[in-house]
Amino acid sequence: KLYDNFSKEERKSLNFESTLVPSIVQPVIEAVISSLNPLAIELTWMDHLAIGMDKLCIAVGSDSEAYSLREMIFTDIIVPWISTSMNSSKWDPVVNVEVG
């Protein structure tokens, strides 16, 4: 665990959950999702992605740090990823509607 390699003081001085972890995690997640279309992805694959992200968040340490990382992943990566797809000229909300 990356978290265990730093003392509490080091984590605080390095802004561990707000700077260090996102700088490592964000490019990895973006690389994984960059070739995927969130509006066409299979639900099982999306479940695997969500489970992997949850495991990553749990591994950072405390509940507050896990929450901060989940929030960062959601607001800085997932929401823009979905928003970009929905605003794409390739997606037509009239034609590409899944009947459920």
C-alpha atoms as a PDB file:
ATOM      1  CA  LYS A   1       0.000   0.000   0.000  1.00  0.00           C
ATOM      2  CA  LEU A   2       1.254   3.423  -0.914  1.00  0.00           C
ATOM      3  CA  TYR A   3      -0.415   4.847   2.177  1.00  0.00           C
ATOM      4  CA  ASP A   4       1.699   2.723   4.526  1.00  0.00           C
ATOM      5  CA  ASN A   5       4.959   4.008   3.045  1.00  0.00           C
ATOM      6  CA  PHE A   6       4.438   7.467   4.527  1.00  0.00           C
ATOM      7  CA  SER A   7       4.159   8.591   8.118  1.00  0.00           C
ATOM      8  CA  LYS A   8       1.192  10.676   9.220  1.00  0.00           C
ATOM      9  CA  GLU A   9       3.361  13.822   9.148  1.00  0.00           C
ATOM     10  CA  GLU A  10       4.681  13.014   5.669  1.00  0.00           C
ATOM     11  CA  ARG A  11       1.159  12.407   4.362  1.00  0.00           C
ATOM     12  CA  LYS A  12       0.071  15.758   5.767  1.00  0.00           C
ATOM     13  CA  SER A  13       3.057  17.692   4.412  1.00  0.00           C
ATOM     14  CA  LEU A  14       2.729  16.059   0.975  1.00  0.00           C
ATOM     15  CA  ASN A  15      -1.026  16.668   0.849  1.00  0.00           C
ATOM     16  CA  PHE A  16      -1.266  12.933   0.326  1.00  0.00           C
ATOM     17  CA  GLU A  17      -4.974  12.554  -0.483  1.00  0.00           C
ATOM     18  CA  SER A  18      -5.471  15.867  -2.235  1.00  0.00           C
ATOM     19  CA  THR A  19      -2.307  16.014  -4.348  1.00  0.00           C
ATOM     20  CA  LEU A  20      -0.098  12.922  -4.328  1.00  0.00           C
ATOM     21  CA  VAL A  21      -2.696  10.189  -4.751  1.00  0.00           C
ATOM     22  CA  PRO A  22      -4.733  12.013  -7.430  1.00  0.00           C
ATOM     23  CA  SER A  23      -1.550  12.732  -9.412  1.00  0.00           C
ATOM     24  CA  ILE A  24      -0.909   8.984  -9.539  1.00  0.00           C
ATOM     25  CA  VAL A  25      -4.482   7.715  -9.824  1.00  0.00           C
ATOM     26  CA  GLN A  26      -5.945  10.171 -12.317  1.00  0.00           C
ATOM     27  CA  PRO A  27      -3.676   9.299 -15.278  1.00  0.00           C
ATOM     28  CA  VAL A  28      -4.172   5.575 -14.670  1.00  0.00           C
ATOM     29  CA  ILE A  29      -7.968   5.799 -14.613  1.00  0.00           C
ATOM     30  CA  GLU A  30      -8.011   8.149 -17.593  1.00  0.00           C
ATOM     31  CA  ALA A  31      -5.846   5.688 -19.546  1.00  0.00           C
ATOM     32  CA  VAL A  32      -8.268   2.865 -18.755  1.00  0.00           C
ATOM     33  CA  ILE A  33     -11.426   4.776 -19.703  1.00  0.00           C
ATOM     34  CA  SER A  34     -10.059   6.861 -22.583  1.00  0.00           C
ATOM     35  CA  SER A  35     -10.975   4.336 -25.255  1.00  0.00           C
ATOM     36  CA  LEU A  36     -14.352   3.482 -23.734  1.00  0.00           C
ATOM     37  CA  ASN A  37     -17.708   5.038 -24.497  1.00  0.00           C
ATOM     38  CA  PRO A  38     -19.638   5.306 -21.209  1.00  0.00           C
ATOM     39  CA  LEU A  39     -22.939   5.365 -23.071  1.00  0.00           C
ATOM     40  CA  ALA A  40     -22.230   2.076 -24.840  1.00  0.00           C
ATOM     41  CA  ILE A  41     -20.180   0.179 -22.274  1.00  0.00           C
ATOM     42  CA  GLU A  42     -21.413  -3.220 -21.113  1.00  0.00           C
ATOM     43  CA  LEU A  43     -22.812  -3.162 -17.596  1.00  0.00           C
ATOM     44  CA  THR A  44     -20.567  -6.024 -16.446  1.00  0.00           C
ATOM     45  CA  TRP A  45     -17.487  -4.094 -17.556  1.00  0.00           C
ATOM     46  CA  MET A  46     -18.769  -0.984 -15.792  1.00  0.00           C
ATOM     47  CA  ASP A  47     -19.279  -3.079 -12.637  1.00  0.00           C
ATOM     48  CA  HIS A  48     -15.680  -4.312 -12.850  1.00  0.00           C
ATOM     49  CA  LEU A  49     -14.467  -0.745 -13.287  1.00  0.00           C
ATOM     50  CA  ALA A  50     -16.497   0.427 -10.277  1.00  0.00           C
ATOM     51  CA  ILE A  51     -15.271  -2.473  -8.112  1.00  0.00           C
ATOM     52  CA  GLY A  52     -11.659  -1.751  -9.078  1.00  0.00           C
ATOM     53  CA  MET A  53     -12.032   1.929  -8.224  1.00  0.00           C
ATOM     54  CA  ASP A  54     -13.679   1.050  -4.918  1.00  0.00           C
ATOM     55  CA  LYS A  55     -10.817  -1.307  -4.010  1.00  0.00           C
ATOM     56  CA  LEU A  56      -8.346   1.422  -4.888  1.00  0.00           C
ATOM     57  CA  CYS A  57     -10.160   3.895  -2.653  1.00  0.00           C
ATOM     58  CA  ILE A  58     -10.306   1.455   0.242  1.00  0.00           C
ATOM     59  CA  ALA A  59      -6.560   0.846  -0.077  1.00  0.00           C
ATOM     60  CA  VAL A  60      -5.564   4.477   0.523  1.00  0.00           C
ATOM     61  CA  GLY A  61      -6.101   4.286   4.241  1.00  0.00           C
ATOM     62  CA  SER A  62      -8.650   6.093   6.343  1.00  0.00           C
ATOM     63  CA  ASP A  63     -12.326   6.515   5.512  1.00  0.00           C
ATOM     64  CA  SER A  64     -11.923  10.255   4.997  1.00  0.00           C
ATOM     65  CA  GLU A  65      -9.081   9.725   2.512  1.00  0.00           C
ATOM     66  CA  ALA A  66     -11.067   7.021   0.714  1.00  0.00           C
ATOM     67  CA  TYR A  67     -14.035   9.394   0.514  1.00  0.00           C
ATOM     68  CA  SER A  68     -11.810  12.194  -0.837  1.00  0.00           C
ATOM     69  CA  LEU A  69     -10.413   9.899  -3.506  1.00  0.00           C
ATOM     70  CA  ARG A  70     -13.895   8.666  -4.508  1.00  0.00           C
ATOM     71  CA  GLU A  71     -15.056  12.263  -4.766  1.00  0.00           C
ATOM     72  CA  MET A  72     -12.046  13.205  -6.903  1.00  0.00           C
ATOM     73  CA  ILE A  73     -12.534  10.223  -9.208  1.00  0.00           C
ATOM     74  CA  PHE A  74     -16.208  10.980  -9.630  1.00  0.00           C
ATOM     75  CA  THR A  75     -16.067  14.763 -10.046  1.00  0.00           C
ATOM     76  CA  ASP A  76     -12.767  15.077 -11.921  1.00  0.00           C
ATOM     77  CA  ILE A  77     -12.852  11.955 -14.106  1.00  0.00           C
ATOM     78  CA  ILE A  78     -16.208  10.166 -14.341  1.00  0.00           C
ATOM     79  CA  VAL A  79     -18.555  13.166 -14.687  1.00  0.00           C
ATOM     80  CA  PRO A  80     -16.434  14.874 -17.400  1.00  0.00           C
ATOM     81  CA  TRP A  81     -16.055  11.515 -19.207  1.00  0.00           C
ATOM     82  CA  ILE A  82     -19.830  10.998 -19.339  1.00  0.00           C
ATOM     83  CA  SER A  83     -20.513  14.668 -20.076  1.00  0.00           C
ATOM     84  CA  THR A  84     -18.105  14.640 -23.018  1.00  0.00           C
ATOM     85  CA  SER A  85     -19.816  11.573 -24.459  1.00  0.00           C
ATOM     86  CA  MET A  86     -23.273  13.055 -24.031  1.00  0.00           C
ATOM     87  CA  ASN A  87     -22.185  16.279 -25.734  1.00  0.00           C
ATOM     88  CA  SER A  88     -20.558  14.418 -28.590  1.00  0.00           C
ATOM     89  CA  SER A  89     -21.981  14.761 -32.067  1.00  0.00           C
ATOM     90  CA  LYS A  90     -21.631  10.961 -32.343  1.00  0.00           C
ATOM     91  CA  TRP A  91     -24.418  10.424 -29.782  1.00  0.00           C
ATOM     92  CA  ASP A  92     -27.977  11.126 -30.800  1.00  0.00           C
ATOM     93  CA  PRO A  93     -30.323  11.041 -27.778  1.00  0.00           C
ATOM     94  CA  VAL A  94     -33.280  10.337 -30.055  1.00  0.00           C
ATOM     95  CA  VAL A  95     -31.752   7.416 -31.941  1.00  0.00           C
ATOM     96  CA  ASN A  96     -29.435   5.976 -29.274  1.00  0.00           C
ATOM     97  CA  VAL A  97     -31.989   5.299 -26.572  1.00  0.00           C
ATOM     98  CA  GLU A  98     -31.939   2.001 -24.777  1.00  0.00           C
ATOM     99  CA  VAL A  99     -35.457   0.758 -24.130  1.00  0.00           C
ATOM    100  CA  GLY A 100     -35.684  -0.491 -20.560  1.00  0.00           C
END
